[in-house]
Amino acid sequence: MKVLFDTNVLIAAFLTRGLSNEVFEHCLSEHTICTSEWILDELEGNLKGKLKFPPAKAENIVLFLRKNTLMAATRPLKEKACRDPDDDNVLSAALAVEADCIISGDGDLLTLQKFRGIRIISPSGFWEFEAKGR
């Protein structure tokens, strides 16, 4: 299964030891994690900027993701799909890799529930999604 993590879940996966981390670790060993340059740029910017994370540690996280994920070759969506235009970048990446789901904590994305056949779920919803076989 191909899984795309939104930036907010990636931040939680790397900075805390909770549900997002458990889902990320599981997907790392059992599925294909997908990402994009846009997501990695946003991740690094948030870690260094908003969260004041040490630059070297932020860069190591991004390097780890580059080495262990499938990178999406994205194209802008032809139509606006989400209230927050930044979220269209996440949707575009998911389409490019033909992801089975997007794992996000972003209310604007979660409201959609599905985009062109790709389920949009919270970290807590992932276990049920996987148990049902998608």
C-alpha atoms as a PDB file:
ATOM      1  CA  MET A   1       0.000   0.000   0.000  1.00  0.00           C
ATOM      2  CA  LYS A   2       1.224   3.517  -0.786  1.00  0.00           C
ATOM      3  CA  VAL A   3       0.765   5.999   2.052  1.00  0.00           C
ATOM      4  CA  LEU A   4       1.392   9.736   1.911  1.00  0.00           C
ATOM      5  CA  PHE A   5       1.894  11.584   5.196  1.00  0.00           C
ATOM      6  CA  ASP A   6       0.957  15.249   5.471  1.00  0.00           C
ATOM      7  CA  THR A   7       3.550  17.560   7.007  1.00  0.00           C
ATOM      8  CA  ASN A   8       1.788  17.874  10.371  1.00  0.00           C
ATOM      9  CA  VAL A   9       1.781  14.102  10.880  1.00  0.00           C
ATOM     10  CA  LEU A  10       5.442  13.841   9.870  1.00  0.00           C
ATOM     11  CA  ILE A  11       6.311  16.489  12.462  1.00  0.00           C
ATOM     12  CA  ALA A  12       4.410  14.574  15.137  1.00  0.00           C
ATOM     13  CA  ALA A  13       5.995  11.286  14.021  1.00  0.00           C
ATOM     14  CA  PHE A  14       9.523  12.609  14.448  1.00  0.00           C
ATOM     15  CA  LEU A  15       9.077  14.837  17.499  1.00  0.00           C
ATOM     16  CA  THR A  16       6.799  12.765  19.720  1.00  0.00           C
ATOM     17  CA  ARG A  17       6.381   9.138  20.684  1.00  0.00           C
ATOM     18  CA  GLY A  18       2.684   8.732  20.121  1.00  0.00           C
ATOM     19  CA  LEU A  19       0.151   7.597  17.568  1.00  0.00           C
ATOM     20  CA  SER A  20       1.684   9.409  14.582  1.00  0.00           C
ATOM     21  CA  ASN A  21       5.059   7.844  15.347  1.00  0.00           C
ATOM     22  CA  GLU A  22       3.498   4.368  15.670  1.00  0.00           C
ATOM     23  CA  VAL A  23       1.677   4.699  12.353  1.00  0.00           C
ATOM     24  CA  PHE A  24       4.790   6.067  10.627  1.00  0.00           C
ATOM     25  CA  GLU A  25       7.012   3.259  11.957  1.00  0.00           C
ATOM     26  CA  HIS A  26       4.446   0.648  10.913  1.00  0.00           C
ATOM     27  CA  CYS A  27       4.138   2.104   7.416  1.00  0.00           C
ATOM     28  CA  LEU A  28       7.911   2.351   7.103  1.00  0.00           C
ATOM     29  CA  SER A  29       8.231  -1.406   7.601  1.00  0.00           C
ATOM     30  CA  GLU A  30       4.987  -2.640   6.015  1.00  0.00           C
ATOM     31  CA  HIS A  31       4.062  -0.191   3.251  1.00  0.00           C
ATOM     32  CA  THR A  32       5.538   2.356   0.848  1.00  0.00           C
ATOM     33  CA  ILE A  33       5.691   5.859   2.288  1.00  0.00           C
ATOM     34  CA  CYS A  34       5.428   8.578  -0.335  1.00  0.00           C
ATOM     35  CA  THR A  35       6.315  12.252  -0.184  1.00  0.00           C
ATOM     36  CA  SER A  36       7.195  15.213  -2.394  1.00  0.00           C
ATOM     37  CA  GLU A  37       9.687  18.044  -2.540  1.00  0.00           C
ATOM     38  CA  TRP A  38       6.944  20.436  -1.472  1.00  0.00           C
ATOM     39  CA  ILE A  39       6.141  18.392   1.647  1.00  0.00           C
ATOM     40  CA  LEU A  40       9.821  18.042   2.539  1.00  0.00           C
ATOM     41  CA  ASP A  41      10.415  21.778   2.063  1.00  0.00           C
ATOM     42  CA  GLU A  42       7.420  22.593   4.271  1.00  0.00           C
ATOM     43  CA  LEU A  43       8.586  20.065   6.864  1.00  0.00           C
ATOM     44  CA  GLU A  44      12.107  21.478   7.008  1.00  0.00           C
ATOM     45  CA  GLY A  45      10.824  25.056   7.104  1.00  0.00           C
ATOM     46  CA  ASN A  46       8.439  24.318   9.972  1.00  0.00           C
ATOM     47  CA  LEU A  47      11.043  22.407  11.941  1.00  0.00           C
ATOM     48  CA  LYS A  48      13.652  25.147  11.631  1.00  0.00           C
ATOM     49  CA  GLY A  49      11.277  28.117  11.758  1.00  0.00           C
ATOM     50  CA  LYS A  50       8.181  27.616  13.875  1.00  0.00           C
ATOM     51  CA  LEU A  51       9.596  24.857  16.058  1.00  0.00           C
ATOM     52  CA  LYS A  52      13.182  26.210  16.374  1.00  0.00           C
ATOM     53  CA  PHE A  53      14.546  22.705  15.779  1.00  0.00           C
ATOM     54  CA  PRO A  54      18.332  22.523  15.342  1.00  0.00           C
ATOM     55  CA  PRO A  55      19.034  22.925  11.599  1.00  0.00           C
ATOM     56  CA  ALA A  56      21.294  19.851  11.412  1.00  0.00           C
ATOM     57  CA  LYS A  57      18.609  17.635  12.995  1.00  0.00           C
ATOM     58  CA  ALA A  58      15.930  19.008  10.658  1.00  0.00           C
ATOM     59  CA  GLU A  59      18.182  18.332   7.672  1.00  0.00           C
ATOM     60  CA  ASN A  60      18.818  14.776   8.914  1.00  0.00           C
ATOM     61  CA  ILE A  61      15.076  14.104   9.095  1.00  0.00           C
ATOM     62  CA  VAL A  62      14.624  15.337   5.529  1.00  0.00           C
ATOM     63  CA  LEU A  63      17.601  13.273   4.352  1.00  0.00           C
ATOM     64  CA  PHE A  64      16.148  10.179   6.053  1.00  0.00           C
ATOM     65  CA  LEU A  65      12.833  10.737   4.286  1.00  0.00           C
ATOM     66  CA  ARG A  66      14.544  11.259   0.915  1.00  0.00           C
ATOM     67  CA  LYS A  67      16.320   7.912   1.302  1.00  0.00           C
ATOM     68  CA  ASN A  68      13.348   5.935   2.619  1.00  0.00           C
ATOM     69  CA  THR A  69      10.341   7.190   0.688  1.00  0.00           C
ATOM     70  CA  LEU A  70       8.993   7.254  -2.834  1.00  0.00           C
ATOM     71  CA  MET A  71       9.277  10.792  -4.186  1.00  0.00           C
ATOM     72  CA  ALA A  72       6.335  12.141  -6.172  1.00  0.00           C
ATOM     73  CA  ALA A  73       6.890  14.021  -9.406  1.00  0.00           C
ATOM     74  CA  THR A  74       4.035  16.452  -8.904  1.00  0.00           C
ATOM     75  CA  ARG A  75       2.136  18.754 -11.213  1.00  0.00           C
ATOM     76  CA  PRO A  76      -0.222  21.483 -10.065  1.00  0.00           C
ATOM     77  CA  LEU A  77      -3.858  20.453  -9.912  1.00  0.00           C
ATOM     78  CA  LYS A  78      -5.970  21.800 -12.764  1.00  0.00           C
ATOM     79  CA  GLU A  79      -8.669  22.861 -10.323  1.00  0.00           C
ATOM     80  CA  LYS A  80      -8.598  24.139  -6.749  1.00  0.00           C
ATOM     81  CA  ALA A  81      -9.646  21.260  -4.534  1.00  0.00           C
ATOM     82  CA  CYS A  82      -9.112  22.484  -0.968  1.00  0.00           C
ATOM     83  CA  ARG A  83      -9.861  25.639   1.024  1.00  0.00           C
ATOM     84  CA  ASP A  84      -6.158  25.994   1.808  1.00  0.00           C
ATOM     85  CA  PRO A  85      -4.234  26.182  -1.500  1.00  0.00           C
ATOM     86  CA  ASP A  86      -1.158  24.635   0.183  1.00  0.00           C
ATOM     87  CA  ASP A  87      -3.160  21.452   0.703  1.00  0.00           C
ATOM     88  CA  ASP A  88      -3.572  21.107  -3.059  1.00  0.00           C
ATOM     89  CA  ASN A  89       0.171  20.322  -3.092  1.00  0.00           C
ATOM     90  CA  VAL A  90      -0.460  17.335  -0.826  1.00  0.00           C
ATOM     91  CA  LEU A  91      -3.318  16.146  -3.042  1.00  0.00           C
ATOM     92  CA  SER A  92      -1.148  16.559  -6.139  1.00  0.00           C
ATOM     93  CA  ALA A  93       1.618  14.435  -4.587  1.00  0.00           C
ATOM     94  CA  ALA A  94      -0.855  11.707  -3.644  1.00  0.00           C
ATOM     95  CA  LEU A  95      -2.199  11.614  -7.188  1.00  0.00           C
ATOM     96  CA  ALA A  96       1.296  11.499  -8.690  1.00  0.00           C
ATOM     97  CA  VAL A  97       2.269   8.359  -6.748  1.00  0.00           C
ATOM     98  CA  GLU A  98      -1.227   6.833  -6.901  1.00  0.00           C
ATOM     99  CA  ALA A  99      -1.379   6.717  -3.095  1.00  0.00           C
ATOM    100  CA  ASP A 100      -3.960   4.565  -1.386  1.00  0.00           C
ATOM    101  CA  CYS A 101      -4.383   7.100   1.398  1.00  0.00           C
ATOM    102  CA  ILE A 102      -3.233  10.407   2.807  1.00  0.00           C
ATOM    103  CA  ILE A 103      -2.657  10.497   6.551  1.00  0.00           C
ATOM    104  CA  SER A 104      -3.276  13.988   7.862  1.00  0.00           C
ATOM    105  CA  GLY A 105      -4.316  15.928  10.906  1.00  0.00           C
ATOM    106  CA  ASP A 106      -5.314  18.934   8.789  1.00  0.00           C
ATOM    107  CA  GLY A 107      -9.010  19.701   9.083  1.00  0.00           C
ATOM    108  CA  ASP A 108      -9.184  21.139   5.563  1.00  0.00           C
ATOM    109  CA  LEU A 109      -7.940  17.856   4.099  1.00  0.00           C
ATOM    110  CA  LEU A 110      -9.856  15.586   6.478  1.00  0.00           C
ATOM    111  CA  THR A 111     -13.106  17.339   5.542  1.00  0.00           C
ATOM    112  CA  LEU A 112     -12.707  16.040   1.992  1.00  0.00           C
ATOM    113  CA  GLN A 113     -12.565  12.399   3.213  1.00  0.00           C
ATOM    114  CA  LYS A 114     -11.643  11.280  -0.311  1.00  0.00           C
ATOM    115  CA  PHE A 115     -10.040  12.879  -3.345  1.00  0.00           C
ATOM    116  CA  ARG A 116     -10.199  11.118  -6.707  1.00  0.00           C
ATOM    117  CA  GLY A 117     -10.417   7.751  -4.988  1.00  0.00           C
ATOM    118  CA  ILE A 118      -7.662   8.448  -2.440  1.00  0.00           C
ATOM    119  CA  ARG A 119      -8.882   8.191   1.153  1.00  0.00           C
ATOM    120  CA  ILE A 120      -7.891  11.006   3.515  1.00  0.00           C
ATOM    121  CA  ILE A 121      -7.669   9.777   7.083  1.00  0.00           C
ATOM    122  CA  SER A 122      -6.318  10.770  10.467  1.00  0.00           C
ATOM    123  CA  PRO A 123      -3.542   8.785  12.129  1.00  0.00           C
ATOM    124  CA  SER A 124      -6.139   7.168  14.403  1.00  0.00           C
ATOM    125  CA  GLY A 125      -8.263   6.248  11.383  1.00  0.00           C
ATOM    126  CA  PHE A 126      -5.355   4.473   9.705  1.00  0.00           C
ATOM    127  CA  TRP A 127      -5.676   1.265  11.722  1.00  0.00           C
ATOM    128  CA  GLU A 128      -9.315   0.799  10.731  1.00  0.00           C
ATOM    129  CA  PHE A 129      -8.502   1.688   7.106  1.00  0.00           C
ATOM    130  CA  GLU A 130      -5.749  -0.923   7.012  1.00  0.00           C
ATOM    131  CA  ALA A 131      -7.843  -3.561   8.788  1.00  0.00           C
ATOM    132  CA  LYS A 132     -10.620  -3.176   6.204  1.00  0.00           C
ATOM    133  CA  GLY A 133      -8.086  -3.676   3.453  1.00  0.00           C
ATOM    134  CA  ARG A 134      -8.560  -0.103   2.259  1.00  0.00           C
END
